[in-house]
Structures are given as C-alpha cells and as structure tokens.
Amino acid sequence: MNEKDEIMMCPNGHGTMSITKTDECVKFRGANITYQAIHYTCPECGFKKDMSSQTSETQKAIVDAYRKAVNLLTSEDIREGRKRFGLSQEILARRMNVGIASIKRWEGGLIQTRSMDNALRSALQAEIIRDRYTGNRNFSKSRIKMVLKQFEYILGRRLLNKRSKMLFEAKYLWYADMIAFRDLGESMTGSTYAALPYGPQLNNYRDLIDEIKNADESNSELLTTEEKRIISKIAEAFPKDQMVYNAAHREKIWQEKASGSIIPYSDSTKLTEL
C-alpha cells in the first residue's frame, strides 16, 4: 500500500483522518519563513500527525524556503539549471572543482555557503555552459588520442597509424564529442570541427595529425563510464570506417554548412544517425 493511500485513524476516536496541506511559518536560522506542510488531520478535533515519510520532506521544504528567503539557489533551482543547459551532476561538479557528492547534497537539501552559491550561479550561466566551438572543455590532443584508443579497443582494429590522415578517425571523434555534449553537457576532447568537403573534420587537422599521434594519452583525464558507453554505442553502430564516413555525410548539420565553416556544438541536438 502506498503511503498516500494509507489510512490514519484519529487517536481521539473521531475516525479516519484526511490529508491536508497548509502554509506554516517557522523561524529557521534567524529568518521567518513560510513553507507548505502536509499532515494527516482530523476534521473534527483538528489533531495533526505527519505522514511517516513527511519528516524529511518537511525539513527539505523548510531548508528550501530558507534558501529562497536569503537568495540562495534552492534544490529545484539547481536541478532545473542543470536540465536547462544539459549538464549532468558530474559535469557541474567538474566545472566547479568540487566532488559530485556536493552537488547531490545541495540538490538533496543541504544549504550551500554563499561562496559556493556564487560558484553555482556562474557554472549555470548560459554563456559559460554553451561554449559553441569547444563543447565546454579545454582542447586536449592527449585526450583525442585516448578516445581513439578506446575506439580501437571496442572496434578491435587500429585507427591511428603512420599513414593516417584523420579522414575516418575524425568522424568517430566528431560523433563522440557531439553526442557527449548533447547527452552529458560536455565534449570529450574540446576539439573544434569544420565542415569540409570530405565531411566533419578537426579544424586545422593537418597541423594536428602528428601531434595527436605523438601525444601521451596517459597525461589525459580518464574517460568516464558514460563517455565509454557513448564510444561503445558509436562503435557498435558503425563497425567499419565507411559506415561512419557515410553516416557523417548524411547529417544535415554538415550538409547545410558552407565549406570551411565551424559546426557548433549546439547543433548536436539535430544529429539524426545516433
């Protein structure tokens, strides 16, 4: 039986109590606040009793009412901010240089300090989050190599070799970066991509090829579980080079761009092949 269907009897013998919602005032941390409380209430004698699960919810309601009263972001503000800009808790934590446990606690009702509130507001600003050309990540040649090595592991074949011109590898990278930005709010490598005649390609790729091949991937930030999942998804969809090449050429966000123009990460929501 769900708690909302639970029957509560008045201890004074007046029969079944009903669920009521009332605005109640309380003093919390020196501030007078109003919050919505939910009780079982006897309509005859007015006796009230909290639902068994309501204690924690009441505390959270009080905390969020307080945060709103003193101009701190509430639990809902933080969650909605993340959703608005497509950020996971992990990405927001990384942008703030805090542990993911802090984000979870703040969304769960723990009151953040004023300095952390300012950091949250900065991290949730559109002009910071929606970096059009690097996908909210600093460009890293060593991470490019790490991503390609992960593709090699899943595909069971080499991608990078001495003769590589990044024709096919760049398509795997492009999908990895774009889908990571779309699904997680942050690209994997911070790469910028141009619409070239042979499909999406790393911007200035000719100057980067040798540097990527010689990069030390051990210096890169490790791939997350979600990033590995995205790479696996792409590799399973396009097990052969020609398949990923053809798929990239079917994407309208490449077709509609003038040759040489940059493909912004904001276009990632328009991908059709994955």
C-alpha atoms as a PDB file:
ATOM      1  CA  MET A   1       0.000   0.000   0.000  1.00  0.00           C
ATOM      2  CA  ASN A   2       1.343   3.470  -0.900  1.00  0.00           C
ATOM      3  CA  GLU A   3       1.598   5.996   1.880  1.00  0.00           C
ATOM      4  CA  LYS A   4      -0.761   8.307   0.037  1.00  0.00           C
ATOM      5  CA  ASP A   5      -3.347   5.518   0.258  1.00  0.00           C
ATOM      6  CA  GLU A   6      -2.585   4.780   3.911  1.00  0.00           C
ATOM      7  CA  ILE A   7      -5.471   5.158   6.336  1.00  0.00           C
ATOM      8  CA  MET A   8      -4.716   7.090   9.533  1.00  0.00           C
ATOM      9  CA  MET A   9      -7.187   6.995  12.409  1.00  0.00           C
ATOM     10  CA  CYS A  10      -7.681   9.828  14.875  1.00  0.00           C
ATOM     11  CA  PRO A  11      -6.324   8.781  18.308  1.00  0.00           C
ATOM     12  CA  ASN A  12      -9.266  10.623  19.887  1.00  0.00           C
ATOM     13  CA  GLY A  13     -11.751   8.225  18.325  1.00  0.00           C
ATOM     14  CA  HIS A  14     -13.099  10.509  15.610  1.00  0.00           C
ATOM     15  CA  GLY A  15     -12.480   8.101  12.761  1.00  0.00           C
ATOM     16  CA  THR A  16     -10.438   8.499   9.570  1.00  0.00           C
ATOM     17  CA  MET A  17      -8.104  11.466   9.255  1.00  0.00           C
ATOM     18  CA  SER A  18      -7.640  13.259   5.928  1.00  0.00           C
ATOM     19  CA  ILE A  19      -4.522  14.591   4.203  1.00  0.00           C
ATOM     20  CA  THR A  20      -4.285  18.383   4.299  1.00  0.00           C
ATOM     21  CA  LYS A  21      -1.803  20.936   3.003  1.00  0.00           C
ATOM     22  CA  THR A  22      -1.237  24.118   4.958  1.00  0.00           C
ATOM     23  CA  ASP A  23       1.149  27.065   4.825  1.00  0.00           C
ATOM     24  CA  GLU A  24       3.047  27.175   8.087  1.00  0.00           C
ATOM     25  CA  CYS A  25       5.506  29.687   9.494  1.00  0.00           C
ATOM     26  CA  VAL A  26       8.695  28.824  11.319  1.00  0.00           C
ATOM     27  CA  LYS A  27      11.857  30.599  12.374  1.00  0.00           C
ATOM     28  CA  PHE A  28      14.919  28.967  10.831  1.00  0.00           C
ATOM     29  CA  ARG A  29      18.460  30.291  11.189  1.00  0.00           C
ATOM     30  CA  GLY A  30      17.120  33.618  12.304  1.00  0.00           C
ATOM     31  CA  ALA A  31      14.774  34.022   9.319  1.00  0.00           C
ATOM     32  CA  ASN A  32      10.978  33.863   9.446  1.00  0.00           C
ATOM     33  CA  ILE A  33       9.913  31.613   6.608  1.00  0.00           C
ATOM     34  CA  THR A  34       6.698  30.098   5.264  1.00  0.00           C
ATOM     35  CA  TYR A  35       6.561  26.607   3.818  1.00  0.00           C
ATOM     36  CA  GLN A  36       3.874  24.136   2.749  1.00  0.00           C
ATOM     37  CA  ALA A  37       3.331  21.330   5.238  1.00  0.00           C
ATOM     38  CA  ILE A  38       1.415  18.096   4.612  1.00  0.00           C
ATOM     39  CA  HIS A  39      -0.313  16.345   7.505  1.00  0.00           C
ATOM     40  CA  TYR A  40      -2.966  13.821   8.403  1.00  0.00           C
ATOM     41  CA  THR A  41      -5.630  15.985  10.048  1.00  0.00           C
ATOM     42  CA  CYS A  42      -8.746  15.065  11.995  1.00  0.00           C
ATOM     43  CA  PRO A  43     -11.592  17.191  10.595  1.00  0.00           C
ATOM     44  CA  GLU A  44     -13.419  17.051  13.945  1.00  0.00           C
ATOM     45  CA  CYS A  45     -10.800  17.806  16.597  1.00  0.00           C
ATOM     46  CA  GLY A  46      -8.004  19.175  14.431  1.00  0.00           C
ATOM     47  CA  PHE A  47      -5.390  16.684  15.633  1.00  0.00           C
ATOM     48  CA  LYS A  48      -2.471  16.553  13.211  1.00  0.00           C
ATOM     49  CA  LYS A  49       0.108  13.880  12.529  1.00  0.00           C
ATOM     50  CA  ASP A  50       2.873  13.839   9.939  1.00  0.00           C
ATOM     51  CA  MET A  51       2.977  11.070   7.359  1.00  0.00           C
ATOM     52  CA  SER A  52       5.806   8.658   8.125  1.00  0.00           C
ATOM     53  CA  SER A  53       7.808   9.874   5.120  1.00  0.00           C
ATOM     54  CA  GLN A  54       6.978  13.525   5.676  1.00  0.00           C
ATOM     55  CA  THR A  55       9.615  14.414   8.257  1.00  0.00           C
ATOM     56  CA  SER A  56      12.476  14.546   5.732  1.00  0.00           C
ATOM     57  CA  GLU A  57      10.279  16.249   3.123  1.00  0.00           C
ATOM     58  CA  THR A  58       9.217  18.849   5.678  1.00  0.00           C
ATOM     59  CA  GLN A  59      12.833  19.525   6.574  1.00  0.00           C
ATOM     60  CA  LYS A  60      13.715  19.909   2.894  1.00  0.00           C
ATOM     61  CA  ALA A  61      10.769  22.283   2.374  1.00  0.00           C
ATOM     62  CA  ILE A  62      11.946  24.396   5.298  1.00  0.00           C
ATOM     63  CA  VAL A  63      15.524  24.450   4.030  1.00  0.00           C
ATOM     64  CA  ASP A  64      14.487  25.441   0.501  1.00  0.00           C
ATOM     65  CA  ALA A  65      12.137  28.134   1.818  1.00  0.00           C
ATOM     66  CA  TYR A  66      15.056  29.489   3.822  1.00  0.00           C
ATOM     67  CA  ARG A  67      17.386  29.382   0.807  1.00  0.00           C
ATOM     68  CA  LYS A  68      14.829  31.274  -1.236  1.00  0.00           C
ATOM     69  CA  ALA A  69      14.358  33.842   1.530  1.00  0.00           C
ATOM     70  CA  VAL A  70      18.090  34.602   1.753  1.00  0.00           C
ATOM     71  CA  ASN A  71      18.610  34.494  -2.042  1.00  0.00           C
ATOM     72  CA  LEU A  72      20.419  31.155  -2.304  1.00  0.00           C
ATOM     73  CA  LEU A  73      19.667  28.684  -5.102  1.00  0.00           C
ATOM     74  CA  THR A  74      17.153  26.056  -3.986  1.00  0.00           C
ATOM     75  CA  SER A  75      17.323  22.329  -4.719  1.00  0.00           C
ATOM     76  CA  GLU A  76      14.897  22.822  -7.600  1.00  0.00           C
ATOM     77  CA  ASP A  77      16.841  25.821  -8.925  1.00  0.00           C
ATOM     78  CA  ILE A  78      19.995  23.711  -9.190  1.00  0.00           C
ATOM     79  CA  ARG A  79      18.242  20.750 -10.815  1.00  0.00           C
ATOM     80  CA  GLU A  80      16.391  22.961 -13.291  1.00  0.00           C
ATOM     81  CA  GLY A  81      19.589  24.850 -14.091  1.00  0.00           C
ATOM     82  CA  ARG A  82      21.355  21.607 -14.952  1.00  0.00           C
ATOM     83  CA  LYS A  83      18.461  20.430 -17.117  1.00  0.00           C
ATOM     84  CA  ARG A  84      18.254  23.760 -18.940  1.00  0.00           C
ATOM     85  CA  PHE A  85      21.869  23.526 -20.080  1.00  0.00           C
ATOM     86  CA  GLY A  86      22.057  19.739 -20.412  1.00  0.00           C
ATOM     87  CA  LEU A  87      24.504  19.226 -17.543  1.00  0.00           C
ATOM     88  CA  SER A  88      24.930  16.061 -15.526  1.00  0.00           C
ATOM     89  CA  GLN A  89      25.772  16.298 -11.821  1.00  0.00           C
ATOM     90  CA  GLU A  90      29.261  15.061 -12.666  1.00  0.00           C
ATOM     91  CA  ILE A  91      29.903  17.750 -15.278  1.00  0.00           C
ATOM     92  CA  LEU A  92      28.641  20.514 -12.985  1.00  0.00           C
ATOM     93  CA  ALA A  93      30.885  19.224 -10.202  1.00  0.00           C
ATOM     94  CA  ARG A  94      33.900  19.246 -12.509  1.00  0.00           C
ATOM     95  CA  ARG A  95      33.185  22.781 -13.676  1.00  0.00           C
ATOM     96  CA  MET A  96      33.022  23.912 -10.042  1.00  0.00           C
ATOM     97  CA  ASN A  97      36.036  21.857  -8.962  1.00  0.00           C
ATOM     98  CA  VAL A  98      34.030  20.096  -6.245  1.00  0.00           C
ATOM     99  CA  GLY A  99      33.066  16.485  -5.655  1.00  0.00           C
ATOM    100  CA  ILE A 100      29.868  15.120  -7.173  1.00  0.00           C
ATOM    101  CA  ALA A 101      28.713  14.369  -3.613  1.00  0.00           C
ATOM    102  CA  SER A 102      28.460  18.132  -3.014  1.00  0.00           C
ATOM    103  CA  ILE A 103      26.101  18.574  -5.967  1.00  0.00           C
ATOM    104  CA  LYS A 104      23.959  15.677  -4.736  1.00  0.00           C
ATOM    105  CA  ARG A 105      23.807  17.119  -1.218  1.00  0.00           C
ATOM    106  CA  TRP A 106      22.844  20.587  -2.436  1.00  0.00           C
ATOM    107  CA  GLU A 107      20.114  19.128  -4.640  1.00  0.00           C
ATOM    108  CA  GLY A 108      19.019  16.977  -1.717  1.00  0.00           C
ATOM    109  CA  GLY A 109      18.547  19.907   0.649  1.00  0.00           C
ATOM    110  CA  LEU A 110      21.930  20.755   2.187  1.00  0.00           C
ATOM    111  CA  ILE A 111      22.441  24.513   2.366  1.00  0.00           C
ATOM    112  CA  GLN A 112      25.422  25.737   0.349  1.00  0.00           C
ATOM    113  CA  THR A 113      27.649  28.575   1.535  1.00  0.00           C
ATOM    114  CA  ARG A 114      27.341  31.977  -0.107  1.00  0.00           C
ATOM    115  CA  SER A 115      30.642  31.482  -1.939  1.00  0.00           C
ATOM    116  CA  MET A 116      29.509  28.083  -3.257  1.00  0.00           C
ATOM    117  CA  ASP A 117      26.194  29.622  -4.299  1.00  0.00           C
ATOM    118  CA  ASN A 118      28.075  32.216  -6.335  1.00  0.00           C
ATOM    119  CA  ALA A 119      30.116  29.416  -7.930  1.00  0.00           C
ATOM    120  CA  LEU A 120      26.920  27.508  -8.752  1.00  0.00           C
ATOM    121  CA  ARG A 121      25.380  30.556 -10.397  1.00  0.00           C
ATOM    122  CA  SER A 122      28.495  31.138 -12.501  1.00  0.00           C
ATOM    123  CA  ALA A 123      28.648  27.491 -13.575  1.00  0.00           C
ATOM    124  CA  LEU A 124      24.979  27.558 -14.587  1.00  0.00           C
ATOM    125  CA  GLN A 125      25.213  30.678 -16.752  1.00  0.00           C
ATOM    126  CA  ALA A 126      24.400  30.085 -20.403  1.00  0.00           C
ATOM    127  CA  GLU A 127      27.417  31.960 -21.738  1.00  0.00           C
ATOM    128  CA  ILE A 128      29.745  29.636 -19.809  1.00  0.00           C
ATOM    129  CA  ILE A 129      27.890  26.379 -20.317  1.00  0.00           C
ATOM    130  CA  ARG A 130      27.073  26.680 -24.002  1.00  0.00           C
ATOM    131  CA  ASP A 131      30.534  27.033 -25.456  1.00  0.00           C
ATOM    132  CA  ARG A 132      29.718  26.778 -29.156  1.00  0.00           C
ATOM    133  CA  TYR A 133      33.029  25.557 -30.518  1.00  0.00           C
ATOM    134  CA  THR A 134      34.863  23.508 -27.861  1.00  0.00           C
ATOM    135  CA  GLY A 135      31.898  21.938 -26.081  1.00  0.00           C
ATOM    136  CA  ASN A 136      32.722  23.240 -22.586  1.00  0.00           C
ATOM    137  CA  ARG A 137      36.099  21.515 -22.408  1.00  0.00           C
ATOM    138  CA  ASN A 138      39.679  22.661 -22.917  1.00  0.00           C
ATOM    139  CA  PHE A 139      41.187  21.243 -26.093  1.00  0.00           C
ATOM    140  CA  SER A 140      43.416  18.231 -25.425  1.00  0.00           C
ATOM    141  CA  LYS A 141      45.443  16.304 -28.008  1.00  0.00           C
ATOM    142  CA  SER A 142      46.238  13.604 -25.452  1.00  0.00           C
ATOM    143  CA  ARG A 143      42.509  13.086 -24.818  1.00  0.00           C
ATOM    144  CA  ILE A 144      41.882  12.823 -28.568  1.00  0.00           C
ATOM    145  CA  LYS A 145      44.396  10.001 -28.626  1.00  0.00           C
ATOM    146  CA  MET A 146      42.775   8.381 -25.568  1.00  0.00           C
ATOM    147  CA  VAL A 147      39.332   8.498 -27.211  1.00  0.00           C
ATOM    148  CA  LEU A 148      40.710   6.983 -30.425  1.00  0.00           C
ATOM    149  CA  LYS A 149      42.470   4.260 -28.421  1.00  0.00           C
ATOM    150  CA  GLN A 150      39.139   3.434 -26.769  1.00  0.00           C
ATOM    151  CA  PHE A 151      37.556   3.181 -30.219  1.00  0.00           C
ATOM    152  CA  GLU A 152      40.373   0.843 -31.267  1.00  0.00           C
ATOM    153  CA  TYR A 153      39.716  -1.328 -28.233  1.00  0.00           C
ATOM    154  CA  ILE A 154      35.974  -1.596 -28.974  1.00  0.00           C
ATOM    155  CA  LEU A 155      36.391  -1.990 -32.739  1.00  0.00           C
ATOM    156  CA  GLY A 156      39.228  -4.484 -32.394  1.00  0.00           C
ATOM    157  CA  ARG A 157      41.398  -2.780 -35.005  1.00  0.00           C
ATOM    158  CA  ARG A 158      43.891   0.049 -35.446  1.00  0.00           C
ATOM    159  CA  LEU A 159      42.776   3.539 -36.336  1.00  0.00           C
ATOM    160  CA  LEU A 160      45.906   5.597 -35.819  1.00  0.00           C
ATOM    161  CA  ASN A 161      48.875   4.649 -37.994  1.00  0.00           C
ATOM    162  CA  LYS A 162      51.733   6.380 -39.773  1.00  0.00           C
ATOM    163  CA  ARG A 163      49.700   6.941 -42.925  1.00  0.00           C
ATOM    164  CA  SER A 164      46.584   8.162 -41.124  1.00  0.00           C
ATOM    165  CA  LYS A 165      45.195  11.479 -42.385  1.00  0.00           C
ATOM    166  CA  MET A 166      42.303  11.525 -39.873  1.00  0.00           C
ATOM    167  CA  LEU A 167      39.740  11.044 -42.657  1.00  0.00           C
ATOM    168  CA  PHE A 168      37.770   8.322 -40.874  1.00  0.00           C
ATOM    169  CA  GLU A 169      39.109   8.809 -37.347  1.00  0.00           C
ATOM    170  CA  ALA A 170      37.767  12.359 -37.287  1.00  0.00           C
ATOM    171  CA  LYS A 171      34.245  11.110 -37.960  1.00  0.00           C
ATOM    172  CA  TYR A 172      34.388   8.801 -34.928  1.00  0.00           C
ATOM    173  CA  LEU A 173      35.766  11.692 -32.868  1.00  0.00           C
ATOM    174  CA  TRP A 174      33.115  14.087 -34.129  1.00  0.00           C
ATOM    175  CA  TYR A 175      30.292  11.779 -33.123  1.00  0.00           C
ATOM    176  CA  ALA A 176      31.929  11.121 -29.743  1.00  0.00           C
ATOM    177  CA  ASP A 177      32.315  14.824 -28.986  1.00  0.00           C
ATOM    178  CA  MET A 178      28.920  15.856 -30.290  1.00  0.00           C
ATOM    179  CA  ILE A 179      26.972  13.102 -28.539  1.00  0.00           C
ATOM    180  CA  ALA A 180      28.876  13.649 -25.289  1.00  0.00           C
ATOM    181  CA  PHE A 181      27.933  17.328 -25.431  1.00  0.00           C
ATOM    182  CA  ARG A 182      24.326  16.523 -26.289  1.00  0.00           C
ATOM    183  CA  ASP A 183      23.908  13.866 -23.593  1.00  0.00           C
ATOM    184  CA  LEU A 184      26.334  14.982 -20.867  1.00  0.00           C
ATOM    185  CA  GLY A 185      26.764  18.723 -21.448  1.00  0.00           C
ATOM    186  CA  GLU A 186      30.487  18.499 -22.227  1.00  0.00           C
ATOM    187  CA  SER A 187      32.523  17.274 -25.183  1.00  0.00           C
ATOM    188  CA  MET A 188      35.183  14.591 -24.736  1.00  0.00           C
ATOM    189  CA  THR A 189      38.179  16.342 -26.303  1.00  0.00           C
ATOM    190  CA  GLY A 190      37.428  20.071 -26.641  1.00  0.00           C
ATOM    191  CA  SER A 191      38.008  19.810 -30.385  1.00  0.00           C
ATOM    192  CA  THR A 192      36.622  22.299 -32.893  1.00  0.00           C
ATOM    193  CA  TYR A 193      35.153  20.836 -36.088  1.00  0.00           C
ATOM    194  CA  ALA A 194      34.882  22.338 -39.560  1.00  0.00           C
ATOM    195  CA  ALA A 195      32.540  21.352 -42.383  1.00  0.00           C
ATOM    196  CA  LEU A 196      34.916  20.230 -45.136  1.00  0.00           C
ATOM    197  CA  PRO A 197      34.187  18.536 -48.494  1.00  0.00           C
ATOM    198  CA  TYR A 198      35.043  15.116 -47.041  1.00  0.00           C
ATOM    199  CA  GLY A 199      32.751  15.576 -44.037  1.00  0.00           C
ATOM    200  CA  PRO A 200      33.189  16.932 -40.500  1.00  0.00           C
ATOM    201  CA  GLN A 201      36.876  17.268 -39.701  1.00  0.00           C
ATOM    202  CA  LEU A 202      39.085  18.569 -36.907  1.00  0.00           C
ATOM    203  CA  ASN A 203      39.724  22.242 -37.539  1.00  0.00           C
ATOM    204  CA  ASN A 204      43.339  22.730 -38.700  1.00  0.00           C
ATOM    205  CA  TYR A 205      43.683  18.955 -38.719  1.00  0.00           C
ATOM    206  CA  ARG A 206      46.780  18.986 -40.941  1.00  0.00           C
ATOM    207  CA  ASP A 207      48.724  20.778 -38.216  1.00  0.00           C
ATOM    208  CA  LEU A 208      47.396  18.427 -35.533  1.00  0.00           C
ATOM    209  CA  ILE A 209      47.826  14.946 -37.020  1.00  0.00           C
ATOM    210  CA  ASP A 210      51.453  14.352 -35.994  1.00  0.00           C
ATOM    211  CA  GLU A 211      50.931  15.988 -32.587  1.00  0.00           C
ATOM    212  CA  ILE A 212      47.962  13.715 -31.887  1.00  0.00           C
ATOM    213  CA  LYS A 213      49.909  10.618 -32.938  1.00  0.00           C
ATOM    214  CA  ASN A 214      52.801  11.618 -30.653  1.00  0.00           C
ATOM    215  CA  ALA A 215      50.630  12.677 -27.713  1.00  0.00           C
ATOM    216  CA  ASP A 216      50.901  10.792 -24.424  1.00  0.00           C
ATOM    217  CA  GLU A 217      47.367   9.711 -23.560  1.00  0.00           C
ATOM    218  CA  SER A 218      48.457   8.846 -20.017  1.00  0.00           C
ATOM    219  CA  ASN A 219      48.574  12.603 -19.343  1.00  0.00           C
ATOM    220  CA  SER A 220      44.865  12.888 -20.120  1.00  0.00           C
ATOM    221  CA  GLU A 221      41.909  12.844 -17.781  1.00  0.00           C
ATOM    222  CA  LEU A 222      40.489   9.327 -17.711  1.00  0.00           C
ATOM    223  CA  LEU A 223      37.315   8.583 -19.640  1.00  0.00           C
ATOM    224  CA  THR A 224      34.201   8.344 -17.525  1.00  0.00           C
ATOM    225  CA  THR A 225      31.831   5.385 -17.601  1.00  0.00           C
ATOM    226  CA  GLU A 226      29.295   7.469 -19.543  1.00  0.00           C
ATOM    227  CA  GLU A 227      31.909   8.518 -22.095  1.00  0.00           C
ATOM    228  CA  LYS A 228      32.951   4.902 -22.613  1.00  0.00           C
ATOM    229  CA  ARG A 229      29.285   3.998 -23.063  1.00  0.00           C
ATOM    230  CA  ILE A 230      28.952   6.629 -25.800  1.00  0.00           C
ATOM    231  CA  ILE A 231      32.078   5.382 -27.587  1.00  0.00           C
ATOM    232  CA  SER A 232      30.764   1.807 -27.459  1.00  0.00           C
ATOM    233  CA  LYS A 233      27.428   2.937 -28.869  1.00  0.00           C
ATOM    234  CA  ILE A 234      29.117   4.667 -31.813  1.00  0.00           C
ATOM    235  CA  ALA A 235      31.462   1.748 -32.494  1.00  0.00           C
ATOM    236  CA  GLU A 236      28.567  -0.717 -32.456  1.00  0.00           C
ATOM    237  CA  ALA A 237      26.564   1.464 -34.863  1.00  0.00           C
ATOM    238  CA  PHE A 238      29.497   1.970 -37.255  1.00  0.00           C
ATOM    239  CA  PRO A 239      31.880  -1.001 -37.022  1.00  0.00           C
ATOM    240  CA  LYS A 240      33.515  -0.122 -40.365  1.00  0.00           C
ATOM    241  CA  ASP A 241      35.208   3.120 -41.421  1.00  0.00           C
ATOM    242  CA  GLN A 242      33.000   3.586 -44.460  1.00  0.00           C
ATOM    243  CA  MET A 243      29.889   3.318 -42.294  1.00  0.00           C
ATOM    244  CA  VAL A 244      30.831   6.197 -40.007  1.00  0.00           C
ATOM    245  CA  TYR A 245      32.027   8.195 -43.021  1.00  0.00           C
ATOM    246  CA  ASN A 246      28.704   7.725 -44.824  1.00  0.00           C
ATOM    247  CA  ALA A 247      26.685   8.469 -41.689  1.00  0.00           C
ATOM    248  CA  ALA A 248      28.506  11.757 -41.110  1.00  0.00           C
ATOM    249  CA  HIS A 249      27.751  12.748 -44.722  1.00  0.00           C
ATOM    250  CA  ARG A 250      24.045  12.132 -44.133  1.00  0.00           C
ATOM    251  CA  GLU A 251      23.949  14.570 -41.230  1.00  0.00           C
ATOM    252  CA  LYS A 252      22.209  17.821 -42.165  1.00  0.00           C
ATOM    253  CA  ILE A 253      24.301  19.789 -39.684  1.00  0.00           C
ATOM    254  CA  TRP A 254      27.258  19.085 -42.006  1.00  0.00           C
ATOM    255  CA  GLN A 255      25.330  19.324 -45.291  1.00  0.00           C
ATOM    256  CA  GLU A 256      23.896  22.753 -44.502  1.00  0.00           C
ATOM    257  CA  LYS A 257      27.220  24.364 -43.552  1.00  0.00           C
ATOM    258  CA  ALA A 258      29.349  26.270 -46.046  1.00  0.00           C
ATOM    259  CA  SER A 259      32.697  24.628 -46.730  1.00  0.00           C
ATOM    260  CA  GLY A 260      35.204  25.594 -44.056  1.00  0.00           C
ATOM    261  CA  SER A 261      32.652  26.888 -41.573  1.00  0.00           C
ATOM    262  CA  ILE A 262      32.642  25.688 -37.961  1.00  0.00           C
ATOM    263  CA  ILE A 263      29.992  23.214 -36.808  1.00  0.00           C
ATOM    264  CA  PRO A 264      28.812  24.463 -33.398  1.00  0.00           C
ATOM    265  CA  TYR A 265      28.156  22.013 -30.587  1.00  0.00           C
ATOM    266  CA  SER A 266      24.686  23.494 -30.206  1.00  0.00           C
ATOM    267  CA  ASP A 267      23.822  21.622 -33.426  1.00  0.00           C
ATOM    268  CA  SER A 268      24.346  18.298 -31.641  1.00  0.00           C
ATOM    269  CA  THR A 269      20.618  18.089 -30.864  1.00  0.00           C
ATOM    270  CA  LYS A 270      19.986  17.821 -34.617  1.00  0.00           C
ATOM    271  CA  LEU A 271      22.016  14.644 -35.162  1.00  0.00           C
ATOM    272  CA  THR A 272      19.939  12.023 -36.942  1.00  0.00           C
ATOM    273  CA  GLU A 273      22.184   8.957 -37.256  1.00  0.00           C
ATOM    274  CA  LEU A 274      22.631   8.367 -33.497  1.00  0.00           C
END
